[in-house]
């Protein structure tokens, strides 16, 4: 989608610096969602930035569309340490950060996921974290939005 390409452009420098490949598994003519494209870009950028930052260098981040649920579900998965199950809801709170030195000297503000949650919920969707599947061994952050009619 256009929003994904825009988000990817905004994260390109960070991905290059960390040698992280971002792989889109989104269908070219994927389903349209009911969302402001600028705000959808911000949600995707925030999720991509986290995945690029917290995954190891020289790894891959994937963005995929999960069929079969109500609306359209997009997941961003990484190969990082993941998020402990007990903290998967808390990471969406403002300023909350998983308390371990995941990155030497470079953390975020703790606002990216809170902003993403706010935008998704304002558009009638939901956002959650889970364990990534298969070769993507780290965190998966997924959100669903109503499909455009």
N, C-alpha and C. Protein backbone atom coordinates (compact mmCIF):
# COMPACT_ATOMS: atom_id res chain seq x y z
N UNK A 1 0.84 -1.19 0.00
CA UNK A 1 0.00 0.00 0.00
C UNK A 1 0.88 1.25 0.00
N UNK A 2 0.29 2.33 -0.37
CA UNK A 2 1.02 3.60 -0.42
C UNK A 2 1.52 3.99 0.98
N UNK A 3 0.70 3.75 1.99
CA UNK A 3 1.09 4.09 3.37
C UNK A 3 2.32 3.29 3.80
N UNK A 4 2.36 2.02 3.40
CA UNK A 4 3.52 1.19 3.75
C UNK A 4 4.77 1.72 3.06
N UNK A 5 4.66 2.05 1.77
CA UNK A 5 5.84 2.56 1.05
C UNK A 5 6.33 3.87 1.66
N UNK A 6 5.40 4.72 2.06
CA UNK A 6 5.79 5.99 2.69
C UNK A 6 6.49 5.73 4.02
N UNK A 7 5.96 4.81 4.82
CA UNK A 7 6.56 4.48 6.12
C UNK A 7 7.96 3.90 5.91
N UNK A 8 8.09 3.06 4.90
CA UNK A 8 9.38 2.44 4.60
C UNK A 8 10.42 3.49 4.22
N UNK A 9 10.01 4.46 3.43
CA UNK A 9 10.93 5.56 3.06
C UNK A 9 11.41 6.29 4.31
N UNK A 10 10.49 6.52 5.25
CA UNK A 10 10.85 7.26 6.48
C UNK A 10 11.78 6.45 7.38
N UNK A 11 11.78 5.13 7.24
CA UNK A 11 12.63 4.27 8.09
C UNK A 11 13.87 3.78 7.36
N UNK A 12 14.06 4.19 6.11
CA UNK A 12 15.13 3.64 5.28
C UNK A 12 16.52 3.87 5.88
N UNK A 13 16.76 5.07 6.40
CA UNK A 13 18.09 5.38 6.95
C UNK A 13 18.39 4.50 8.16
N UNK A 14 17.42 4.39 9.07
CA UNK A 14 17.60 3.55 10.27
C UNK A 14 17.84 2.09 9.87
N UNK A 15 17.08 1.60 8.89
CA UNK A 15 17.25 0.21 8.44
C UNK A 15 18.65 0.00 7.85
N UNK A 16 19.11 0.99 7.06
CA UNK A 16 20.46 0.89 6.48
C UNK A 16 21.52 0.89 7.56
N UNK A 17 21.38 1.79 8.53
CA UNK A 17 22.38 1.89 9.61
C UNK A 17 22.50 0.56 10.38
N UNK A 18 21.38 -0.14 10.54
CA UNK A 18 21.40 -1.39 11.31
C UNK A 18 21.45 -2.62 10.42
N UNK A 19 21.58 -2.43 9.11
CA UNK A 19 21.61 -3.54 8.14
C UNK A 19 20.40 -4.46 8.30
N UNK A 20 19.24 -3.86 8.48
CA UNK A 20 18.01 -4.64 8.62
C UNK A 20 17.23 -4.56 7.31
N UNK A 21 16.86 -5.72 6.79
CA UNK A 21 16.04 -5.77 5.57
C UNK A 21 14.57 -5.78 5.97
N UNK A 22 13.78 -4.94 5.33
CA UNK A 22 12.33 -4.94 5.58
C UNK A 22 11.67 -5.63 4.39
N UNK A 23 10.99 -6.70 4.68
CA UNK A 23 10.39 -7.54 3.65
C UNK A 23 8.87 -7.38 3.70
N UNK A 24 8.28 -6.96 2.59
CA UNK A 24 6.83 -6.82 2.55
C UNK A 24 6.21 -8.09 1.99
N UNK A 25 5.30 -8.65 2.77
CA UNK A 25 4.53 -9.80 2.31
C UNK A 25 3.09 -9.34 2.06
N UNK A 26 2.92 -8.03 1.92
CA UNK A 26 1.58 -7.48 1.66
C UNK A 26 1.22 -7.72 0.19
N UNK A 27 -0.02 -8.07 -0.08
CA UNK A 27 -0.42 -8.23 -1.48
C UNK A 27 -0.38 -6.89 -2.20
N UNK A 28 0.02 -6.90 -3.45
CA UNK A 28 0.12 -5.65 -4.21
C UNK A 28 -1.20 -4.89 -4.24
N UNK A 29 -2.27 -5.63 -4.52
CA UNK A 29 -3.58 -4.99 -4.57
C UNK A 29 -4.36 -5.39 -3.33
N UNK A 30 -3.72 -5.17 -2.19
CA UNK A 30 -4.30 -5.59 -0.92
C UNK A 30 -5.60 -4.88 -0.63
N UNK A 31 -6.33 -5.36 0.37
CA UNK A 31 -7.59 -4.74 0.73
C UNK A 31 -7.35 -3.32 1.25
N UNK A 32 -8.27 -2.45 0.97
CA UNK A 32 -8.18 -1.07 1.45
C UNK A 32 -8.79 -1.00 2.84
N UNK A 33 -8.19 -0.17 3.69
CA UNK A 33 -8.74 -0.01 5.04
C UNK A 33 -9.39 1.35 5.18
N UNK A 34 -10.29 1.45 6.16
CA UNK A 34 -10.93 2.72 6.47
C UNK A 34 -9.99 3.48 7.39
N UNK A 35 -9.11 4.28 6.83
CA UNK A 35 -8.17 5.03 7.67
C UNK A 35 -7.58 6.18 6.87
N UNK A 36 -7.22 7.22 7.58
CA UNK A 36 -6.51 8.34 6.98
C UNK A 36 -5.12 7.85 6.58
N UNK A 37 -4.72 8.06 5.32
CA UNK A 37 -3.47 7.46 4.86
C UNK A 37 -2.25 8.01 5.60
N UNK A 38 -2.26 9.31 5.94
CA UNK A 38 -1.14 9.88 6.69
C UNK A 38 -1.02 9.25 8.06
N UNK A 39 -2.16 9.02 8.71
CA UNK A 39 -2.12 8.42 10.04
C UNK A 39 -1.76 6.93 9.96
N UNK A 40 -2.21 6.26 8.91
CA UNK A 40 -1.83 4.86 8.72
C UNK A 40 -0.32 4.76 8.50
N UNK A 41 0.23 5.71 7.74
CA UNK A 41 1.69 5.75 7.54
C UNK A 41 2.40 5.90 8.89
N UNK A 42 1.86 6.75 9.77
CA UNK A 42 2.50 6.95 11.08
C UNK A 42 2.46 5.68 11.91
N UNK A 43 1.34 4.97 11.89
CA UNK A 43 1.25 3.70 12.64
C UNK A 43 2.32 2.73 12.12
N UNK A 44 2.36 2.55 10.80
CA UNK A 44 3.33 1.62 10.21
C UNK A 44 4.75 2.06 10.49
N UNK A 45 5.02 3.36 10.41
CA UNK A 45 6.37 3.85 10.69
C UNK A 45 6.77 3.55 12.13
N UNK A 46 5.87 3.79 13.07
CA UNK A 46 6.19 3.53 14.48
C UNK A 46 6.47 2.05 14.72
N UNK A 47 5.68 1.17 14.08
CA UNK A 47 5.90 -0.27 14.26
C UNK A 47 7.19 -0.73 13.58
N UNK A 48 7.44 -0.19 12.39
CA UNK A 48 8.68 -0.54 11.68
C UNK A 48 9.90 -0.06 12.45
N UNK A 49 9.85 1.18 12.95
CA UNK A 49 10.99 1.73 13.71
C UNK A 49 11.32 0.84 14.90
N UNK A 50 10.30 0.43 15.65
CA UNK A 50 10.54 -0.44 16.80
C UNK A 50 11.17 -1.75 16.37
N UNK A 51 10.60 -2.35 15.33
CA UNK A 51 11.10 -3.66 14.87
C UNK A 51 12.55 -3.54 14.39
N UNK A 52 12.87 -2.46 13.69
CA UNK A 52 14.24 -2.26 13.19
C UNK A 52 15.20 -2.03 14.35
N UNK A 53 14.75 -1.23 15.34
CA UNK A 53 15.61 -0.91 16.49
C UNK A 53 15.86 -2.12 17.38
N UNK A 54 14.81 -2.92 17.64
CA UNK A 54 14.93 -3.96 18.64
C UNK A 54 15.31 -5.32 18.06
N UNK A 55 15.25 -5.45 16.75
CA UNK A 55 15.75 -6.67 16.14
C UNK A 55 17.27 -6.57 16.05
N UNK A 56 17.95 -7.70 15.93
CA UNK A 56 19.42 -7.65 15.82
C UNK A 56 19.86 -7.03 14.49
N UNK A 57 21.10 -6.52 14.47
CA UNK A 57 21.65 -6.04 13.20
C UNK A 57 21.72 -7.20 12.23
N UNK A 58 21.71 -6.90 10.94
CA UNK A 58 21.76 -7.91 9.88
C UNK A 58 20.60 -8.90 9.96
N UNK A 59 19.44 -8.44 10.36
CA UNK A 59 18.29 -9.35 10.42
C UNK A 59 17.20 -8.84 9.48
N UNK A 60 16.03 -9.44 9.58
CA UNK A 60 14.91 -9.09 8.70
C UNK A 60 13.70 -8.73 9.54
N UNK A 61 12.93 -7.79 9.03
CA UNK A 61 11.63 -7.43 9.60
C UNK A 61 10.62 -7.73 8.50
N UNK A 62 9.51 -8.36 8.84
CA UNK A 62 8.49 -8.61 7.82
C UNK A 62 7.20 -7.87 8.15
N UNK A 63 6.51 -7.46 7.11
CA UNK A 63 5.20 -6.84 7.24
C UNK A 63 4.25 -7.69 6.41
N UNK A 64 3.21 -8.21 7.06
CA UNK A 64 2.32 -9.11 6.35
C UNK A 64 0.86 -8.80 6.67
N UNK A 65 0.01 -9.35 5.84
CA UNK A 65 -1.43 -9.20 5.98
C UNK A 65 -1.95 -10.55 6.43
N UNK A 66 -2.69 -10.58 7.53
CA UNK A 66 -3.25 -11.85 8.01
C UNK A 66 -4.69 -11.96 7.59
N UNK A 67 -4.99 -12.90 6.72
CA UNK A 67 -6.38 -13.05 6.31
C UNK A 67 -7.20 -13.75 7.39
N UNK A 68 -8.49 -13.69 7.21
CA UNK A 68 -9.36 -14.52 8.05
C UNK A 68 -9.92 -13.86 9.28
N UNK A 69 -9.51 -12.63 9.57
CA UNK A 69 -10.10 -11.98 10.74
C UNK A 69 -11.04 -10.89 10.25
N UNK A 70 -11.79 -10.34 11.15
CA UNK A 70 -12.69 -9.25 10.77
C UNK A 70 -11.84 -8.05 10.37
N UNK A 71 -12.17 -7.42 9.28
CA UNK A 71 -11.39 -6.29 8.82
C UNK A 71 -10.07 -6.73 8.23
N UNK A 72 -9.11 -5.83 8.23
CA UNK A 72 -7.80 -6.09 7.65
C UNK A 72 -6.79 -6.11 8.79
N UNK A 73 -5.99 -7.17 8.88
CA UNK A 73 -4.98 -7.28 9.94
C UNK A 73 -3.59 -7.24 9.33
N UNK A 74 -2.78 -6.32 9.83
CA UNK A 74 -1.39 -6.16 9.39
C UNK A 74 -0.49 -6.49 10.58
N UNK A 75 0.57 -7.28 10.34
CA UNK A 75 1.52 -7.62 11.41
C UNK A 75 2.94 -7.24 11.00
N UNK A 76 3.66 -6.64 11.95
CA UNK A 76 5.07 -6.32 11.77
C UNK A 76 5.84 -7.22 12.73
N UNK A 77 6.72 -8.06 12.18
CA UNK A 77 7.43 -9.04 13.01
C UNK A 77 8.94 -8.86 12.89
N UNK A 78 9.64 -9.13 14.00
CA UNK A 78 11.10 -8.99 13.98
C UNK A 78 11.77 -10.23 14.55
N UNK A 79 13.10 -10.21 14.55
CA UNK A 79 13.89 -11.32 15.06
C UNK A 79 14.57 -10.96 16.37
N UNK A 80 14.03 -9.99 17.07
CA UNK A 80 14.61 -9.51 18.32
C UNK A 80 14.25 -10.39 19.51
N UNK A 81 14.40 -9.83 20.73
CA UNK A 81 14.18 -10.61 21.94
C UNK A 81 12.71 -10.88 22.23
N UNK A 82 11.81 -10.19 21.52
CA UNK A 82 10.39 -10.36 21.81
C UNK A 82 9.99 -9.58 23.05
N UNK A 83 8.73 -9.66 23.39
CA UNK A 83 8.20 -8.96 24.56
C UNK A 83 7.58 -10.02 25.46
N UNK A 84 7.97 -10.04 26.74
CA UNK A 84 7.40 -11.03 27.65
C UNK A 84 5.87 -10.93 27.65
N UNK A 85 5.21 -12.07 27.73
CA UNK A 85 3.75 -12.10 27.64
C UNK A 85 3.08 -11.14 28.63
N UNK A 86 3.63 -11.08 29.83
CA UNK A 86 3.03 -10.23 30.87
C UNK A 86 3.07 -8.75 30.50
N UNK A 87 3.94 -8.37 29.58
CA UNK A 87 4.09 -6.95 29.26
C UNK A 87 3.49 -6.58 27.91
N UNK A 88 2.87 -7.54 27.23
CA UNK A 88 2.42 -7.27 25.85
C UNK A 88 1.33 -6.22 25.76
N UNK A 89 0.52 -6.05 26.81
CA UNK A 89 -0.47 -4.97 26.77
C UNK A 89 0.15 -3.64 27.23
N UNK A 90 1.05 -3.75 28.20
CA UNK A 90 1.64 -2.54 28.79
C UNK A 90 2.50 -1.75 27.81
N UNK A 91 3.06 -2.40 26.80
CA UNK A 91 3.94 -1.67 25.87
C UNK A 91 3.18 -0.58 25.11
N UNK A 92 1.84 -0.63 25.14
CA UNK A 92 1.06 0.39 24.45
C UNK A 92 0.75 1.59 25.35
N UNK A 93 1.17 1.52 26.63
CA UNK A 93 0.97 2.65 27.54
C UNK A 93 2.01 3.72 27.25
N UNK A 94 1.63 4.97 27.45
CA UNK A 94 2.59 6.06 27.22
C UNK A 94 3.80 5.90 28.12
N UNK A 95 4.97 6.08 27.56
CA UNK A 95 6.26 6.07 28.26
C UNK A 95 6.67 4.71 28.82
N UNK A 96 5.85 3.67 28.64
CA UNK A 96 6.22 2.36 29.17
C UNK A 96 7.27 1.74 28.27
N UNK A 97 8.32 1.19 28.89
CA UNK A 97 9.34 0.49 28.11
C UNK A 97 9.67 -0.81 28.80
N UNK A 98 9.86 -1.85 28.01
CA UNK A 98 10.24 -3.14 28.59
C UNK A 98 11.58 -2.93 29.29
N UNK A 99 11.62 -3.28 30.56
CA UNK A 99 12.77 -2.90 31.38
C UNK A 99 13.92 -3.87 31.26
N UNK A 100 14.68 -3.70 30.20
CA UNK A 100 15.94 -4.43 30.10
C UNK A 100 16.77 -3.69 29.07
N UNK A 101 18.07 -3.76 29.21
CA UNK A 101 18.93 -2.98 28.31
C UNK A 101 18.97 -3.61 26.93
N UNK A 102 17.88 -3.44 26.16
CA UNK A 102 17.81 -4.09 24.86
C UNK A 102 18.73 -3.39 23.87
N UNK A 103 18.98 -2.11 24.12
CA UNK A 103 19.83 -1.37 23.18
C UNK A 103 20.82 -0.55 23.96
N UNK A 104 22.03 -0.60 23.54
CA UNK A 104 23.06 0.17 24.24
C UNK A 104 22.89 1.64 23.90
N UNK A 105 22.50 2.42 24.90
CA UNK A 105 22.49 3.87 24.73
C UNK A 105 21.46 4.44 23.78
N UNK A 106 20.59 3.61 23.23
CA UNK A 106 19.63 4.22 22.32
C UNK A 106 18.26 3.66 22.57
N UNK A 107 17.45 4.43 23.27
CA UNK A 107 16.08 4.01 23.48
C UNK A 107 15.18 5.03 22.85
N UNK A 108 13.91 4.73 22.83
CA UNK A 108 12.95 5.69 22.29
C UNK A 108 12.32 6.46 23.42
N UNK A 109 11.28 7.19 23.08
CA UNK A 109 10.58 7.99 24.09
C UNK A 109 9.53 7.17 24.81
N UNK A 110 9.23 5.99 24.29
CA UNK A 110 8.15 5.21 24.89
C UNK A 110 6.79 5.70 24.42
N UNK A 111 6.75 6.46 23.35
CA UNK A 111 5.48 6.99 22.84
C UNK A 111 5.01 6.35 21.55
N UNK A 112 5.91 5.73 20.79
CA UNK A 112 5.55 5.22 19.46
C UNK A 112 4.34 4.30 19.46
N UNK A 113 4.34 3.30 20.35
CA UNK A 113 3.24 2.35 20.38
C UNK A 113 1.98 2.97 20.95
N UNK A 114 2.13 3.90 21.90
CA UNK A 114 0.96 4.58 22.46
C UNK A 114 0.26 5.41 21.37
N UNK A 115 1.06 6.08 20.56
CA UNK A 115 0.51 6.88 19.45
C UNK A 115 -0.17 5.95 18.44
N UNK A 116 0.49 4.84 18.11
CA UNK A 116 -0.09 3.88 17.17
C UNK A 116 -1.43 3.36 17.69
N UNK A 117 -1.47 3.04 18.98
CA UNK A 117 -2.72 2.53 19.59
C UNK A 117 -3.82 3.57 19.49
N UNK A 118 -3.48 4.81 19.80
CA UNK A 118 -4.46 5.90 19.76
C UNK A 118 -5.05 6.04 18.35
N UNK A 119 -4.19 6.03 17.35
CA UNK A 119 -4.64 6.19 15.96
C UNK A 119 -5.51 5.01 15.54
N UNK A 120 -5.05 3.79 15.82
CA UNK A 120 -5.79 2.59 15.41
C UNK A 120 -7.17 2.57 16.07
N UNK A 121 -7.21 2.85 17.38
CA UNK A 121 -8.50 2.80 18.09
C UNK A 121 -9.44 3.91 17.61
N UNK A 122 -8.87 5.06 17.29
CA UNK A 122 -9.71 6.17 16.79
C UNK A 122 -10.34 5.81 15.44
N UNK A 123 -9.70 4.91 14.71
CA UNK A 123 -10.24 4.46 13.42
C UNK A 123 -11.10 3.20 13.56
N UNK A 124 -11.43 2.83 14.80
CA UNK A 124 -12.32 1.69 15.02
C UNK A 124 -11.62 0.34 14.97
N UNK A 125 -10.29 0.34 15.12
CA UNK A 125 -9.54 -0.92 15.07
C UNK A 125 -8.98 -1.30 16.42
N UNK A 126 -8.12 -2.30 16.42
CA UNK A 126 -7.44 -2.68 17.66
C UNK A 126 -6.01 -3.06 17.33
N UNK A 127 -5.14 -3.02 18.36
CA UNK A 127 -3.71 -3.30 18.18
C UNK A 127 -3.25 -4.18 19.33
N UNK A 128 -2.34 -5.10 19.07
CA UNK A 128 -1.88 -6.01 20.12
C UNK A 128 -0.49 -6.54 19.79
N UNK A 129 0.15 -7.10 20.80
CA UNK A 129 1.46 -7.71 20.61
C UNK A 129 1.38 -9.20 20.86
N UNK A 130 2.21 -9.95 20.18
CA UNK A 130 2.27 -11.40 20.39
C UNK A 130 3.67 -11.89 20.03
N UNK A 131 3.88 -13.17 20.17
CA UNK A 131 5.17 -13.77 19.79
C UNK A 131 5.17 -13.98 18.29
N UNK A 132 6.26 -13.61 17.63
CA UNK A 132 6.36 -13.82 16.19
C UNK A 132 6.41 -15.32 15.90
N UNK A 133 6.07 -15.68 14.68
CA UNK A 133 5.99 -17.08 14.30
C UNK A 133 7.13 -17.49 13.37
N UNK A 134 7.48 -18.76 13.39
CA UNK A 134 8.44 -19.30 12.43
C UNK A 134 9.81 -18.66 12.53
N UNK A 135 10.39 -18.31 11.38
CA UNK A 135 11.75 -17.75 11.38
C UNK A 135 11.79 -16.37 12.03
N UNK A 136 10.65 -15.68 12.09
CA UNK A 136 10.59 -14.39 12.77
C UNK A 136 10.41 -14.71 14.25
N UNK A 137 11.50 -14.66 14.99
CA UNK A 137 11.50 -15.22 16.34
C UNK A 137 11.19 -14.22 17.45
N UNK A 138 11.05 -12.96 17.11
CA UNK A 138 10.92 -11.93 18.14
C UNK A 138 9.50 -11.52 18.42
N UNK A 139 9.26 -10.22 18.36
CA UNK A 139 7.94 -9.67 18.65
C UNK A 139 7.14 -9.55 17.36
N UNK A 140 5.84 -9.69 17.50
CA UNK A 140 4.91 -9.38 16.41
C UNK A 140 3.95 -8.34 16.96
N UNK A 141 3.82 -7.22 16.28
CA UNK A 141 2.81 -6.24 16.67
C UNK A 141 1.83 -6.19 15.52
N UNK A 142 0.57 -6.46 15.82
CA UNK A 142 -0.46 -6.54 14.80
C UNK A 142 -1.55 -5.51 15.08
N UNK A 143 -2.16 -5.04 14.02
CA UNK A 143 -3.33 -4.19 14.20
C UNK A 143 -4.35 -4.53 13.13
N UNK A 144 -5.61 -4.35 13.49
CA UNK A 144 -6.66 -4.58 12.51
C UNK A 144 -7.50 -3.32 12.40
N UNK A 145 -7.93 -3.06 11.19
CA UNK A 145 -8.79 -1.91 10.90
C UNK A 145 -9.95 -2.38 10.04
N UNK A 146 -11.07 -1.67 10.12
CA UNK A 146 -12.20 -2.05 9.27
C UNK A 146 -11.81 -1.93 7.79
N UNK A 147 -12.31 -2.86 6.99
CA UNK A 147 -12.05 -2.83 5.56
C UNK A 147 -12.92 -1.76 4.92
N UNK A 148 -12.36 -1.03 3.95
CA UNK A 148 -13.13 -0.01 3.25
C UNK A 148 -14.21 -0.69 2.42
N UNK A 149 -15.38 -0.12 2.43
CA UNK A 149 -16.50 -0.71 1.69
C UNK A 149 -16.40 -0.35 0.21
